[in-house]
Each structure stands twice: as C-alpha cells, then as structure tokens.
Amino acid sequence: MVADFSESASTRITRMVLGIYLIVLCFLIPLTGGSAESDVCDLGRRGIWIYYRMAMNFGVTGDLCGYFLQVCELVMALVVVVVDIMVKSGIIK
C-alpha cells in the first residue's frame, strides 16, 4: 500500500510540502511557550530521519512500517509516563 502511494504520488511535490510543514512547525512550536515542544519536534525529526535511512537501506516494506509504528507507539507511551512522573514529583509544573 505504501509502495503504491509512493509510486503514484508526485515525489518532488510531496517532499516539498512535507518539508515546508516540518520547517514551519519547528519554527512555530517553540514560539508557543517552552523548550519541551522544541524537544518533541527534534525527537520527531530524528525518528523520521531514522525511518528514512532504514527505508533507503532496506526498501519500504510492511515489516519496516510496522516496526517503525511500534517503536513510535512505545516511545510515545514512555514519554507520557516520564512526563507524568516529572509532573507528580514537582520537576515540571
């Protein structure tokens, strides 16, 4: 499914639009208030870079997409738990 989408979509336009979204969000999110948002943006950018490198080495497969999805879900759950602990302990208000 992903391979069909990537073959039929205009790759150049898709990359340009996603790049613009990433640049705009990475500049606007830190303006909303703290450094936590920019840290999340940086982690997201790094995650996408890792996925891109893996896709370039192994190709886009269902296994790679599933692996990436599971890693993202586990990292999100871990971040929620860590932030909850930090808020309850008074480190973050």
PDB file of N, CA and C in Angstrom:
ATOM      1  N   MET A   1       0.815  -1.186   0.000  1.00  0.00           N
ATOM      2  CA  MET A   1       0.000   0.000   0.000  1.00  0.00           C
ATOM      3  C   MET A   1       0.865   1.260   0.000  1.00  0.00           C
ATOM      4  N   VAL A   2       1.872   1.279   0.856  1.00  0.00           N
ATOM      5  CA  VAL A   2       2.755   2.437   0.902  1.00  0.00           C
ATOM      6  C   VAL A   2       3.533   2.557  -0.399  1.00  0.00           C
ATOM      7  N   ALA A   3       3.950   1.426  -0.934  1.00  0.00           N
ATOM      8  CA  ALA A   3       4.699   1.459  -2.186  1.00  0.00           C
ATOM      9  C   ALA A   3       3.823   1.982  -3.322  1.00  0.00           C
ATOM     10  N   ASP A   4       2.543   1.594  -3.340  1.00  0.00           N
ATOM     11  CA  ASP A   4       1.643   2.105  -4.379  1.00  0.00           C
ATOM     12  C   ASP A   4       1.480   3.610  -4.266  1.00  0.00           C
ATOM     13  N   PHE A   5       1.317   4.099  -3.037  1.00  0.00           N
ATOM     14  CA  PHE A   5       1.164   5.539  -2.834  1.00  0.00           C
ATOM     15  C   PHE A   5       2.421   6.278  -3.262  1.00  0.00           C
ATOM     16  N   SER A   6       3.586   5.742  -2.893  1.00  0.00           N
ATOM     17  CA  SER A   6       4.821   6.446  -3.218  1.00  0.00           C
ATOM     18  C   SER A   6       5.092   6.438  -4.716  1.00  0.00           C
ATOM     19  N   GLU A   7       4.630   5.405  -5.418  1.00  0.00           N
ATOM     20  CA  GLU A   7       4.831   5.363  -6.855  1.00  0.00           C
ATOM     21  C   GLU A   7       3.880   6.314  -7.578  1.00  0.00           C
ATOM     22  N   SER A   8       2.644   6.440  -7.080  1.00  0.00           N
ATOM     23  CA  SER A   8       1.670   7.251  -7.792  1.00  0.00           C
ATOM     24  C   SER A   8       1.747   8.731  -7.423  1.00  0.00           C
ATOM     25  N   ALA A   9       2.286   9.050  -6.258  1.00  0.00           N
ATOM     26  CA  ALA A   9       2.361  10.450  -5.835  1.00  0.00           C
ATOM     27  C   ALA A   9       3.536  11.135  -6.516  1.00  0.00           C
ATOM     28  N   SER A  10       3.388  12.412  -6.678  1.00  0.00           N
ATOM     29  CA  SER A  10       4.488  13.186  -7.215  1.00  0.00           C
ATOM     30  C   SER A  10       5.513  13.358  -6.100  1.00  0.00           C
ATOM     31  N   THR A  11       6.609  12.676  -6.190  1.00  0.00           N
ATOM     32  CA  THR A  11       7.586  12.626  -5.108  1.00  0.00           C
ATOM     33  C   THR A  11       8.143  14.000  -4.784  1.00  0.00           C
ATOM     34  N   ARG A  12       8.426  14.766  -5.776  1.00  0.00           N
ATOM     35  CA  ARG A  12       9.036  16.076  -5.534  1.00  0.00           C
ATOM     36  C   ARG A  12       8.073  17.015  -4.795  1.00  0.00           C
ATOM     37  N   ILE A  13       6.826  17.050  -5.230  1.00  0.00           N
ATOM     38  CA  ILE A  13       5.839  17.924  -4.577  1.00  0.00           C
ATOM     39  C   ILE A  13       5.566  17.439  -3.165  1.00  0.00           C
ATOM     40  N   THR A  14       5.440  16.137  -2.988  1.00  0.00           N
ATOM     41  CA  THR A  14       5.176  15.580  -1.659  1.00  0.00           C
ATOM     42  C   THR A  14       6.305  15.920  -0.704  1.00  0.00           C
ATOM     43  N   ARG A  15       7.529  15.731  -1.115  1.00  0.00           N
ATOM     44  CA  ARG A  15       8.671  16.060  -0.254  1.00  0.00           C
ATOM     45  C   ARG A  15       8.719  17.554   0.059  1.00  0.00           C
ATOM     46  N   MET A  16       8.415  18.378  -0.922  1.00  0.00           N
ATOM     47  CA  MET A  16       8.449  19.819  -0.712  1.00  0.00           C
ATOM     48  C   MET A  16       7.382  20.236   0.311  1.00  0.00           C
ATOM     49  N   VAL A  17       6.168  19.716   0.177  1.00  0.00           N
ATOM     50  CA  VAL A  17       5.091  20.082   1.091  1.00  0.00           C
ATOM     51  C   VAL A  17       5.405  19.591   2.511  1.00  0.00           C
ATOM     52  N   LEU A  18       5.848  18.356   2.636  1.00  0.00           N
ATOM     53  CA  LEU A  18       6.190  17.838   3.959  1.00  0.00           C
ATOM     54  C   LEU A  18       7.367  18.592   4.564  1.00  0.00           C
ATOM     55  N   GLY A  19       8.326  18.969   3.756  1.00  0.00           N
ATOM     56  CA  GLY A  19       9.452  19.760   4.248  1.00  0.00           C
ATOM     57  C   GLY A  19       9.011  21.132   4.734  1.00  0.00           C
ATOM     58  N   ILE A  20       8.095  21.744   3.999  1.00  0.00           N
ATOM     59  CA  ILE A  20       7.570  23.053   4.424  1.00  0.00           C
ATOM     60  C   ILE A  20       6.824  22.909   5.745  1.00  0.00           C
ATOM     61  N   TYR A  21       5.985  21.863   5.866  1.00  0.00           N
ATOM     62  CA  TYR A  21       5.289  21.624   7.136  1.00  0.00           C
ATOM     63  C   TYR A  21       6.286  21.470   8.279  1.00  0.00           C
ATOM     64  N   LEU A  22       7.315  20.682   8.068  1.00  0.00           N
ATOM     65  CA  LEU A  22       8.309  20.439   9.119  1.00  0.00           C
ATOM     66  C   LEU A  22       9.013  21.726   9.514  1.00  0.00           C
ATOM     67  N   ILE A  23       9.428  22.509   8.539  1.00  0.00           N
ATOM     68  CA  ILE A  23      10.130  23.764   8.830  1.00  0.00           C
ATOM     69  C   ILE A  23       9.213  24.741   9.562  1.00  0.00           C
ATOM     70  N   VAL A  24       7.991  24.890   9.081  1.00  0.00           N
ATOM     71  CA  VAL A  24       7.055  25.816   9.723  1.00  0.00           C
ATOM     72  C   VAL A  24       6.773  25.380  11.151  1.00  0.00           C
ATOM     73  N   LEU A  25       6.504  24.101  11.359  1.00  0.00           N
ATOM     74  CA  LEU A  25       6.204  23.631  12.710  1.00  0.00           C
ATOM     75  C   LEU A  25       7.402  23.740  13.639  1.00  0.00           C
ATOM     76  N   CYS A  26       8.580  23.457  13.145  1.00  0.00           N
ATOM     77  CA  CYS A  26       9.766  23.536  14.004  1.00  0.00           C
ATOM     78  C   CYS A  26      10.082  24.974  14.395  1.00  0.00           C
ATOM     79  N   PHE A  27       9.646  25.946  13.598  1.00  0.00           N
ATOM     80  CA  PHE A  27       9.856  27.342  13.988  1.00  0.00           C
ATOM     81  C   PHE A  27       8.698  27.896  14.810  1.00  0.00           C
ATOM     82  N   LEU A  28       7.480  27.414  14.574  1.00  0.00           N
ATOM     83  CA  LEU A  28       6.326  27.944  15.292  1.00  0.00           C
ATOM     84  C   LEU A  28       6.107  27.292  16.653  1.00  0.00           C
ATOM     85  N   ILE A  29       6.397  26.007  16.778  1.00  0.00           N
ATOM     86  CA  ILE A  29       6.148  25.315  18.043  1.00  0.00           C
ATOM     87  C   ILE A  29       6.955  25.909  19.194  1.00  0.00           C
ATOM     88  N   PRO A  30       8.244  26.204  19.046  1.00  0.00           N
ATOM     89  CA  PRO A  30       8.968  26.802  20.176  1.00  0.00           C
ATOM     90  C   PRO A  30       8.434  28.179  20.574  1.00  0.00           C
ATOM     91  N   LEU A  31       7.775  28.889  19.670  1.00  0.00           N
ATOM     92  CA  LEU A  31       7.220  30.197  19.994  1.00  0.00           C
ATOM     93  C   LEU A  31       6.013  30.102  20.913  1.00  0.00           C
ATOM     94  N   THR A  32       5.440  28.916  21.071  1.00  0.00           N
ATOM     95  CA  THR A  32       4.233  28.757  21.883  1.00  0.00           C
ATOM     96  C   THR A  32       4.540  28.716  23.366  1.00  0.00           C
ATOM     97  N   GLY A  33       5.770  28.582  23.758  1.00  0.00           N
ATOM     98  CA  GLY A  33       5.987  28.553  25.180  1.00  0.00           C
ATOM     99  C   GLY A  33       7.230  27.860  25.642  1.00  0.00           C
ATOM    100  N   GLY A  34       7.572  26.766  25.660  1.00  0.00           N
ATOM    101  CA  GLY A  34       8.747  26.260  26.336  1.00  0.00           C
ATOM    102  C   GLY A  34       9.639  25.492  25.412  1.00  0.00           C
ATOM    103  N   SER A  35      10.614  24.906  26.008  1.00  0.00           N
ATOM    104  CA  SER A  35      11.552  24.123  25.206  1.00  0.00           C
ATOM    105  C   SER A  35      11.075  22.690  25.028  1.00  0.00           C
ATOM    106  N   ALA A  36      10.057  22.281  25.791  1.00  0.00           N
ATOM    107  CA  ALA A  36       9.562  20.909  25.665  1.00  0.00           C
ATOM    108  C   ALA A  36       9.023  20.651  24.262  1.00  0.00           C
ATOM    109  N   GLU A  37       8.328  21.638  23.710  1.00  0.00           N
ATOM    110  CA  GLU A  37       7.783  21.467  22.370  1.00  0.00           C
ATOM    111  C   GLU A  37       8.892  21.334  21.334  1.00  0.00           C
ATOM    112  N   SER A  38       9.946  22.121  21.490  1.00  0.00           N
ATOM    113  CA  SER A  38      11.038  22.023  20.531  1.00  0.00           C
ATOM    114  C   SER A  38      11.786  20.707  20.687  1.00  0.00           C
ATOM    115  N   ASP A  39      11.854  20.185  21.909  1.00  0.00           N
ATOM    116  CA  ASP A  39      12.479  18.879  22.118  1.00  0.00           C
ATOM    117  C   ASP A  39      11.675  17.780  21.440  1.00  0.00           C
ATOM    118  N   VAL A  40      10.356  17.868  21.549  1.00  0.00           N
ATOM    119  CA  VAL A  40       9.491  16.883  20.894  1.00  0.00           C
ATOM    120  C   VAL A  40       9.646  16.979  19.383  1.00  0.00           C
ATOM    121  N   CYS A  41       9.720  18.189  18.872  1.00  0.00           N
ATOM    122  CA  CYS A  41       9.911  18.386  17.436  1.00  0.00           C
ATOM    123  C   CYS A  41      11.244  17.790  16.984  1.00  0.00           C
ATOM    124  N   ASP A  42      12.272  17.974  17.783  1.00  0.00           N
ATOM    125  CA  ASP A  42      13.585  17.427  17.456  1.00  0.00           C
ATOM    126  C   ASP A  42      13.561  15.899  17.480  1.00  0.00           C
ATOM    127  N   LEU A  43      12.891  15.314  18.478  1.00  0.00           N
ATOM    128  CA  LEU A  43      12.791  13.854  18.535  1.00  0.00           C
ATOM    129  C   LEU A  43      12.021  13.313  17.341  1.00  0.00           C
ATOM    130  N   GLY A  44      10.950  14.006  16.951  1.00  0.00           N
ATOM    131  CA  GLY A  44      10.189  13.582  15.780  1.00  0.00           C
ATOM    132  C   GLY A  44      11.018  13.640  14.513  1.00  0.00           C
ATOM    133  N   ARG A  45      11.800  14.697  14.384  1.00  0.00           N
ATOM    134  CA  ARG A  45      12.665  14.840  13.203  1.00  0.00           C
ATOM    135  C   ARG A  45      13.706  13.725  13.169  1.00  0.00           C
ATOM    136  N   ARG A  46      14.255  13.399  14.319  1.00  0.00           N
ATOM    137  CA  ARG A  46      15.239  12.314  14.358  1.00  0.00           C
ATOM    138  C   ARG A  46      14.610  10.962  14.039  1.00  0.00           C
ATOM    139  N   GLY A  47      13.385  10.751  14.532  1.00  0.00           N
ATOM    140  CA  GLY A  47      12.691   9.497  14.237  1.00  0.00           C
ATOM    141  C   GLY A  47      12.411   9.341  12.758  1.00  0.00           C
ATOM    142  N   ILE A  48      11.983  10.426  12.129  1.00  0.00           N
ATOM    143  CA  ILE A  48      11.724  10.384  10.696  1.00  0.00           C
ATOM    144  C   ILE A  48      13.025  10.154   9.934  1.00  0.00           C
ATOM    145  N   TRP A  49      14.122  10.731  10.383  1.00  0.00           N
ATOM    146  CA  TRP A  49      15.418  10.531   9.730  1.00  0.00           C
ATOM    147  C   TRP A  49      15.845   9.061   9.829  1.00  0.00           C
ATOM    148  N   ILE A  50      15.646   8.454  10.999  1.00  0.00           N
ATOM    149  CA  ILE A  50      16.000   7.040  11.171  1.00  0.00           C
ATOM    150  C   ILE A  50      15.166   6.181  10.225  1.00  0.00           C
ATOM    151  N   TYR A  51      13.860   6.464  10.161  1.00  0.00           N
ATOM    152  CA  TYR A  51      12.993   5.709   9.252  1.00  0.00           C
ATOM    153  C   TYR A  51      13.436   5.884   7.801  1.00  0.00           C
ATOM    154  N   TYR A  52      13.785   7.107   7.426  1.00  0.00           N
ATOM    155  CA  TYR A  52      14.236   7.380   6.060  1.00  0.00           C
ATOM    156  C   TYR A  52      15.497   6.573   5.740  1.00  0.00           C
ATOM    157  N   ARG A  53      16.451   6.568   6.668  1.00  0.00           N
ATOM    158  CA  ARG A  53      17.694   5.831   6.432  1.00  0.00           C
ATOM    159  C   ARG A  53      17.428   4.335   6.304  1.00  0.00           C
ATOM    160  N   MET A  54      16.540   3.810   7.164  1.00  0.00           N
ATOM    161  CA  MET A  54      16.206   2.385   7.077  1.00  0.00           C
ATOM    162  C   MET A  54      15.496   2.065   5.769  1.00  0.00           C
ATOM    163  N   ALA A  55      14.599   2.955   5.331  1.00  0.00           N
ATOM    164  CA  ALA A  55      13.881   2.734   4.075  1.00  0.00           C
ATOM    165  C   ALA A  55      14.831   2.780   2.885  1.00  0.00           C
ATOM    166  N   MET A  56      15.837   3.644   2.945  1.00  0.00           N
ATOM    167  CA  MET A  56      16.793   3.719   1.847  1.00  0.00           C
ATOM    168  C   MET A  56      17.678   2.468   1.807  1.00  0.00           C
ATOM    169  N   ASN A  57      17.975   1.892   2.970  1.00  0.00           N
ATOM    170  CA  ASN A  57      18.827   0.700   3.009  1.00  0.00           C
ATOM    171  C   ASN A  57      18.063  -0.570   2.659  1.00  0.00           C
ATOM    172  N   PHE A  58      16.830  -0.712   3.184  1.00  0.00           N
ATOM    173  CA  PHE A  58      16.106  -1.971   3.044  1.00  0.00           C
ATOM    174  C   PHE A  58      14.884  -1.884   2.145  1.00  0.00           C
ATOM    175  N   GLY A  59      14.496  -0.699   1.710  1.00  0.00           N
ATOM    176  CA  GLY A  59      13.279  -0.522   0.933  1.00  0.00           C
ATOM    177  C   GLY A  59      12.076  -0.408   1.851  1.00  0.00           C
ATOM    178  N   VAL A  60      10.972   0.071   1.301  1.00  0.00           N
ATOM    179  CA  VAL A  60       9.751   0.227   2.088  1.00  0.00           C
ATOM    180  C   VAL A  60       8.998  -1.100   2.061  1.00  0.00           C
ATOM    181  N   THR A  61       8.909  -1.728   3.210  1.00  0.00           N
ATOM    182  CA  THR A  61       8.182  -2.982   3.327  1.00  0.00           C
ATOM    183  C   THR A  61       7.175  -2.863   4.462  1.00  0.00           C
ATOM    184  N   GLY A  62       6.264  -3.810   4.528  1.00  0.00           N
ATOM    185  CA  GLY A  62       5.301  -3.839   5.613  1.00  0.00           C
ATOM    186  C   GLY A  62       5.970  -4.060   6.951  1.00  0.00           C
ATOM    187  N   ASP A  63       7.031  -4.873   6.955  1.00  0.00           N
ATOM    188  CA  ASP A  63       7.758  -5.117   8.198  1.00  0.00           C
ATOM    189  C   ASP A  63       8.401  -3.842   8.725  1.00  0.00           C
ATOM    190  N   LEU A  64       8.997  -3.072   7.835  1.00  0.00           N
ATOM    191  CA  LEU A  64       9.636  -1.825   8.249  1.00  0.00           C
ATOM    192  C   LEU A  64       8.604  -0.822   8.752  1.00  0.00           C
ATOM    193  N   CYS A  65       7.474  -0.718   8.068  1.00  0.00           N
ATOM    194  CA  CYS A  65       6.420   0.202   8.505  1.00  0.00           C
ATOM    195  C   CYS A  65       5.864  -0.217   9.862  1.00  0.00           C
ATOM    196  N   GLY A  66       5.646  -1.509  10.055  1.00  0.00           N
ATOM    197  CA  GLY A  66       5.145  -1.999  11.336  1.00  0.00           C
ATOM    198  C   GLY A  66       6.135  -1.779  12.452  1.00  0.00           C
ATOM    199  N   TYR A  67       7.416  -2.016  12.157  1.00  0.00           N
ATOM    200  CA  TYR A  67       8.462  -1.793  13.157  1.00  0.00           C
ATOM    201  C   TYR A  67       8.513  -0.321  13.563  1.00  0.00           C
ATOM    202  N   PHE A  68       8.478   0.560  12.574  1.00  0.00           N
ATOM    203  CA  PHE A  68       8.526   1.990  12.859  1.00  0.00           C
ATOM    204  C   PHE A  68       7.316   2.419  13.678  1.00  0.00           C
ATOM    205  N   LEU A  69       6.133   1.918  13.338  1.00  0.00           N
ATOM    206  CA  LEU A  69       4.922   2.258  14.064  1.00  0.00           C
ATOM    207  C   LEU A  69       5.001   1.785  15.514  1.00  0.00           C
ATOM    208  N   GLN A  70       5.479   0.565  15.737  1.00  0.00           N
ATOM    209  CA  GLN A  70       5.581   0.046  17.108  1.00  0.00           C
ATOM    210  C   GLN A  70       6.607   0.831  17.924  1.00  0.00           C
ATOM    211  N   VAL A  71       7.715   1.169  17.322  1.00  0.00           N
ATOM    212  CA  VAL A  71       8.721   1.956  18.045  1.00  0.00           C
ATOM    213  C   VAL A  71       8.155   3.322  18.413  1.00  0.00           C
ATOM    214  N   CYS A  72       7.453   3.967  17.484  1.00  0.00           N
ATOM    215  CA  CYS A  72       6.855   5.278  17.776  1.00  0.00           C
ATOM    216  C   CYS A  72       5.826   5.178  18.894  1.00  0.00           C
ATOM    217  N   GLU A  73       4.988   4.139  18.874  1.00  0.00           N
ATOM    218  CA  GLU A  73       3.987   3.972  19.923  1.00  0.00           C
ATOM    219  C   GLU A  73       4.637   3.736  21.278  1.00  0.00           C
ATOM    220  N   LEU A  74       5.688   2.929  21.316  1.00  0.00           N
ATOM    221  CA  LEU A  74       6.377   2.669  22.585  1.00  0.00           C
ATOM    222  C   LEU A  74       7.069   3.923  23.116  1.00  0.00           C
ATOM    223  N   VAL A  75       7.677   4.690  22.234  1.00  0.00           N
ATOM    224  CA  VAL A  75       8.342   5.923  22.659  1.00  0.00           C
ATOM    225  C   VAL A  75       7.317   6.927  23.172  1.00  0.00           C
ATOM    226  N   MET A  76       6.166   7.037  22.496  1.00  0.00           N
ATOM    227  CA  MET A  76       5.130   7.952  22.969  1.00  0.00           C
ATOM    228  C   MET A  76       4.625   7.545  24.347  1.00  0.00           C
ATOM    229  N   ALA A  77       4.401   6.246  24.566  1.00  0.00           N
ATOM    230  CA  ALA A  77       3.947   5.779  25.875  1.00  0.00           C
ATOM    231  C   ALA A  77       5.004   6.047  26.942  1.00  0.00           C
ATOM    232  N   LEU A  78       6.264   5.832  26.610  1.00  0.00           N
ATOM    233  CA  LEU A  78       7.349   6.084  27.554  1.00  0.00           C
ATOM    234  C   LEU A  78       7.437   7.560  27.900  1.00  0.00           C
ATOM    235  N   VAL A  79       7.277   8.420  26.921  1.00  0.00           N
ATOM    236  CA  VAL A  79       7.332   9.864  27.173  1.00  0.00           C
ATOM    237  C   VAL A  79       6.179  10.297  28.078  1.00  0.00           C
ATOM    238  N   VAL A  80       4.994   9.745  27.872  1.00  0.00           N
ATOM    239  CA  VAL A  80       3.852  10.081  28.717  1.00  0.00           C
ATOM    240  C   VAL A  80       4.128   9.679  30.160  1.00  0.00           C
ATOM    241  N   VAL A  81       4.679   8.490  30.371  1.00  0.00           N
ATOM    242  CA  VAL A  81       4.984   8.023  31.727  1.00  0.00           C
ATOM    243  C   VAL A  81       6.055   8.896  32.373  1.00  0.00           C
ATOM    244  N   VAL A  82       7.107   9.213  31.643  1.00  0.00           N
ATOM    245  CA  VAL A  82       8.197  10.030  32.197  1.00  0.00           C
ATOM    246  C   VAL A  82       7.693  11.428  32.549  1.00  0.00           C
ATOM    247  N   VAL A  83       6.904  12.037  31.680  1.00  0.00           N
ATOM    248  CA  VAL A  83       6.376  13.373  31.962  1.00  0.00           C
ATOM    249  C   VAL A  83       5.427  13.323  33.154  1.00  0.00           C
ATOM    250  N   ASP A  84       4.614  12.284  33.262  1.00  0.00           N
ATOM    251  CA  ASP A  84       3.715  12.142  34.402  1.00  0.00           C
ATOM    252  C   ASP A  84       4.504  12.042  35.705  1.00  0.00           C
ATOM    253  N   ILE A  85       5.563  11.270  35.693  1.00  0.00           N
ATOM    254  CA  ILE A  85       6.412  11.149  36.894  1.00  0.00           C
ATOM    255  C   ILE A  85       7.052  12.494  37.221  1.00  0.00           C
ATOM    256  N   MET A  86       7.512  13.203  36.204  1.00  0.00           N
ATOM    257  CA  MET A  86       8.145  14.508  36.447  1.00  0.00           C
ATOM    258  C   MET A  86       7.150  15.527  36.988  1.00  0.00           C
ATOM    259  N   VAL A  87       5.924  15.493  36.495  1.00  0.00           N
ATOM    260  CA  VAL A  87       4.902  16.426  36.974  1.00  0.00           C
ATOM    261  C   VAL A  87       4.528  16.096  38.426  1.00  0.00           C
ATOM    262  N   LYS A  88       4.347  14.817  38.734  1.00  0.00           N
ATOM    263  CA  LYS A  88       3.978  14.428  40.099  1.00  0.00           C
ATOM    264  C   LYS A  88       5.081  14.685  41.100  1.00  0.00           C
ATOM    265  N   SER A  89       6.333  14.630  40.660  1.00  0.00           N
ATOM    266  CA  SER A  89       7.437  14.869  41.584  1.00  0.00           C
ATOM    267  C   SER A  89       7.754  16.362  41.715  1.00  0.00           C
ATOM    268  N   GLY A  90       7.141  17.200  40.899  1.00  0.00           N
ATOM    269  CA  GLY A  90       7.327  18.638  41.011  1.00  0.00           C
ATOM    270  C   GLY A  90       8.436  19.199  40.152  1.00  0.00           C
ATOM    271  N   ILE A  91       9.040  18.398  39.326  1.00  0.00           N
ATOM    272  CA  ILE A  91      10.102  18.888  38.441  1.00  0.00           C
ATOM    273  C   ILE A  91       9.501  19.802  37.377  1.00  0.00           C
ATOM    274  N   ILE A  92       8.350  19.405  36.840  1.00  0.00           N
ATOM    275  CA  ILE A  92       7.627  20.223  35.864  1.00  0.00           C
ATOM    276  C   ILE A  92       6.324  20.658  36.504  1.00  0.00           C
ATOM    277  N   LYS A  93       5.985  21.926  36.338  1.00  0.00           N
ATOM    278  CA  LYS A  93       4.724  22.420  36.905  1.00  0.00           C
ATOM    279  C   LYS A  93       3.684  22.569  35.849  1.00  0.00           C
TER     280      LYS A  93
END
